[in-house]
Amino acid sequence: MKDIQPKLIELFKEGNCTPQISVIAKKLKEPSTTIHYNIKKLEKEGAIKAYKAVFDYKKINEGYCTYVFINLAQENYADPEKVAKELARNSKVESIDICTGDYELLVKLRTKDSDEYYLTVKGWVKRFGFKKTTSVTSLKQVKSEFVNLE
């Protein structure tokens, strides 16, 4: 049988998952029609942005998780959204936050290993001229996307 797992993983990361209405109905002891109506209402109101899978990232070759704190260069300081949007195009970026304090951006980066991490951040520094970056590497994730992983 054809192995399309990498393609499926990318689709799931982009939010191509759907809720299992019958499972939710059983857990809440409500009719499926009630569940469906309420989900559609939440989607229409924009409360639900996407449905996605929660992965064991080691098993999909993205087990090296690093939080990168970024100080923007003077020329980008006034428009952190612009840099954040450009960084968000990278498929290795799980999340980006514009924040207060000592750093302007916080990026959650998932790579295969430290070598891939290094090349990614090195490319960013070259492209955007970041003033400073500080990284914190996650040793083990216990909870993700509100799901306990153990």
Protein backbone atom coordinates (compact mmCIF):
# COMPACT_ATOMS: atom_id res chain seq x y z
CA MET A 1 0.00 0.00 0.00
CA LYS A 2 1.18 3.53 -0.79
CA ASP A 3 2.80 5.46 2.09
CA ILE A 4 1.21 8.93 2.22
CA GLN A 5 1.94 9.59 5.90
CA PRO A 6 4.09 12.72 5.28
CA LYS A 7 1.29 14.24 3.19
CA LEU A 8 -1.31 13.39 5.86
CA ILE A 9 0.84 14.91 8.61
CA GLU A 10 1.13 18.20 6.69
CA LEU A 11 -2.65 18.31 6.09
CA PHE A 12 -3.36 17.59 9.77
CA LYS A 13 -0.94 20.35 10.83
CA GLU A 14 -2.84 22.78 8.59
CA GLY A 15 -6.10 21.96 10.35
CA ASN A 16 -7.63 19.38 8.03
CA CYS A 17 -9.24 17.33 10.78
CA THR A 18 -12.90 17.10 11.74
CA PRO A 19 -14.54 16.51 15.12
CA GLN A 20 -16.04 13.08 15.77
CA ILE A 21 -19.58 14.16 16.47
CA SER A 22 -20.84 10.71 17.48
CA VAL A 23 -18.03 10.32 20.05
CA ILE A 24 -18.72 13.80 21.48
CA ALA A 25 -22.45 13.08 21.63
CA LYS A 26 -21.84 9.92 23.65
CA LYS A 27 -19.50 11.68 26.09
CA LEU A 28 -21.89 14.60 26.62
CA LYS A 29 -25.03 12.44 26.47
CA GLU A 30 -26.57 14.81 23.93
CA PRO A 31 -28.05 14.14 20.47
CA SER A 32 -25.67 14.36 17.50
CA THR A 33 -27.82 17.10 15.97
CA THR A 34 -27.32 19.27 19.07
CA ILE A 35 -23.56 18.73 18.94
CA HIS A 36 -23.44 19.50 15.22
CA TYR A 37 -25.51 22.69 15.62
CA ASN A 38 -23.33 23.99 18.45
CA ILE A 39 -20.08 23.20 16.64
CA LYS A 40 -21.29 25.00 13.51
CA LYS A 41 -22.30 28.00 15.64
CA LEU A 42 -18.83 28.15 17.25
CA GLU A 43 -17.22 27.93 13.80
CA LYS A 44 -19.45 30.69 12.39
CA GLU A 45 -18.64 32.97 15.35
CA GLY A 46 -14.92 32.38 14.74
CA ALA A 47 -14.39 30.79 18.15
CA ILE A 48 -13.04 27.64 16.50
CA LYS A 49 -10.19 28.49 14.12
CA ALA A 50 -9.16 24.97 13.08
CA TYR A 51 -9.15 21.31 14.00
CA LYS A 52 -5.75 19.67 14.13
CA ALA A 53 -4.04 16.52 15.27
CA VAL A 54 -1.85 16.41 18.38
CA PHE A 55 1.31 14.53 17.44
CA ASP A 56 4.02 12.57 19.16
CA TYR A 57 6.59 14.76 17.42
CA LYS A 58 9.47 12.31 17.84
CA LYS A 59 7.55 9.81 15.74
CA ILE A 60 7.17 12.29 12.86
CA ASN A 61 10.82 13.41 12.95
CA GLU A 62 10.16 16.80 14.59
CA GLY A 63 11.14 15.96 18.16
CA TYR A 64 13.60 18.81 18.70
CA CYS A 65 11.48 21.61 20.18
CA THR A 66 13.01 25.01 20.88
CA TYR A 67 11.56 28.29 22.08
CA VAL A 68 13.43 31.14 20.41
CA PHE A 69 13.26 34.58 22.04
CA ILE A 70 14.03 37.29 19.48
CA ASN A 71 15.11 40.92 19.74
CA LEU A 72 14.30 42.67 16.48
CA ALA A 73 16.74 44.94 14.71
CA GLN A 74 15.96 48.66 14.86
CA GLU A 75 14.52 48.72 11.31
CA ASN A 76 11.93 46.03 12.22
CA TYR A 77 11.16 47.13 15.78
CA ALA A 78 8.13 49.25 14.84
CA ASP A 79 6.47 46.44 12.86
CA PRO A 80 6.87 43.09 14.67
CA GLU A 81 3.76 41.72 12.91
CA LYS A 82 5.53 41.92 9.55
CA VAL A 83 8.47 39.80 10.74
CA ALA A 84 6.15 37.41 12.62
CA LYS A 85 4.05 36.83 9.49
CA GLU A 86 7.15 36.09 7.42
CA LEU A 87 8.49 33.66 10.03
CA ALA A 88 5.06 31.99 10.22
CA ARG A 89 5.42 30.87 6.60
CA ASN A 90 8.11 28.41 7.71
CA SER A 91 6.56 24.96 8.21
CA LYS A 92 8.89 24.31 11.17
CA VAL A 93 7.32 27.18 13.13
CA GLU A 94 4.56 25.93 15.41
CA SER A 95 3.65 29.27 16.96
CA ILE A 96 4.75 32.90 17.19
CA ASP A 97 3.84 35.41 19.86
CA ILE A 98 4.54 39.14 19.95
CA CYS A 99 5.38 39.81 23.57
CA THR A 100 6.42 42.32 26.19
CA GLY A 101 9.56 42.35 28.25
CA ASP A 102 13.11 41.78 27.10
CA TYR A 103 12.15 40.27 23.72
CA GLU A 104 9.72 41.24 20.97
CA LEU A 105 8.98 37.76 19.58
CA LEU A 106 8.70 34.24 20.97
CA VAL A 107 8.84 31.46 18.37
CA LYS A 108 8.13 27.79 19.04
CA LEU A 109 10.23 25.89 16.53
CA ARG A 110 10.06 22.16 15.78
CA THR A 111 12.93 20.54 13.90
CA LYS A 112 14.41 17.10 13.39
CA ASP A 113 17.53 17.84 15.44
CA SER A 114 19.91 20.54 16.63
CA ASP A 115 21.60 20.76 13.22
CA GLU A 116 18.33 21.62 11.49
CA TYR A 117 17.51 24.07 14.29
CA TYR A 118 20.89 25.78 13.87
CA LEU A 119 20.51 26.15 10.09
CA THR A 120 17.00 27.55 10.48
CA VAL A 121 17.91 30.18 13.07
CA LYS A 122 21.14 31.04 11.26
CA GLY A 123 19.09 31.72 8.11
CA TRP A 124 16.67 33.93 10.05
CA VAL A 125 19.48 35.98 11.58
CA LYS A 126 21.00 36.47 8.14
CA ARG A 127 17.66 37.43 6.57
CA PHE A 128 16.20 39.63 9.31
CA GLY A 129 19.33 40.85 11.11
CA PHE A 130 17.97 40.04 14.56
CA LYS A 131 19.66 42.04 17.30
CA LYS A 132 19.74 39.01 19.62
CA THR A 133 18.25 35.53 19.98
CA THR A 134 18.05 33.36 23.08
CA SER A 135 16.86 29.77 22.91
CA VAL A 136 15.38 27.36 25.41
CA THR A 137 15.21 23.72 24.35
CA SER A 138 12.36 21.53 25.58
CA LEU A 139 13.62 18.26 27.04
CA LYS A 140 10.22 16.59 27.33
CA GLN A 141 6.69 17.75 26.60
CA VAL A 142 4.07 16.57 29.10
CA LYS A 143 1.01 18.41 27.75
CA SER A 144 0.25 19.89 24.33
CA GLU A 145 -2.84 21.52 22.89
CA PHE A 146 -4.65 20.78 26.18
CA VAL A 147 -3.91 17.04 25.79
CA ASN A 148 -1.88 15.17 28.43
CA LEU A 149 0.82 13.21 26.62
CA GLU A 150 1.61 10.69 29.31
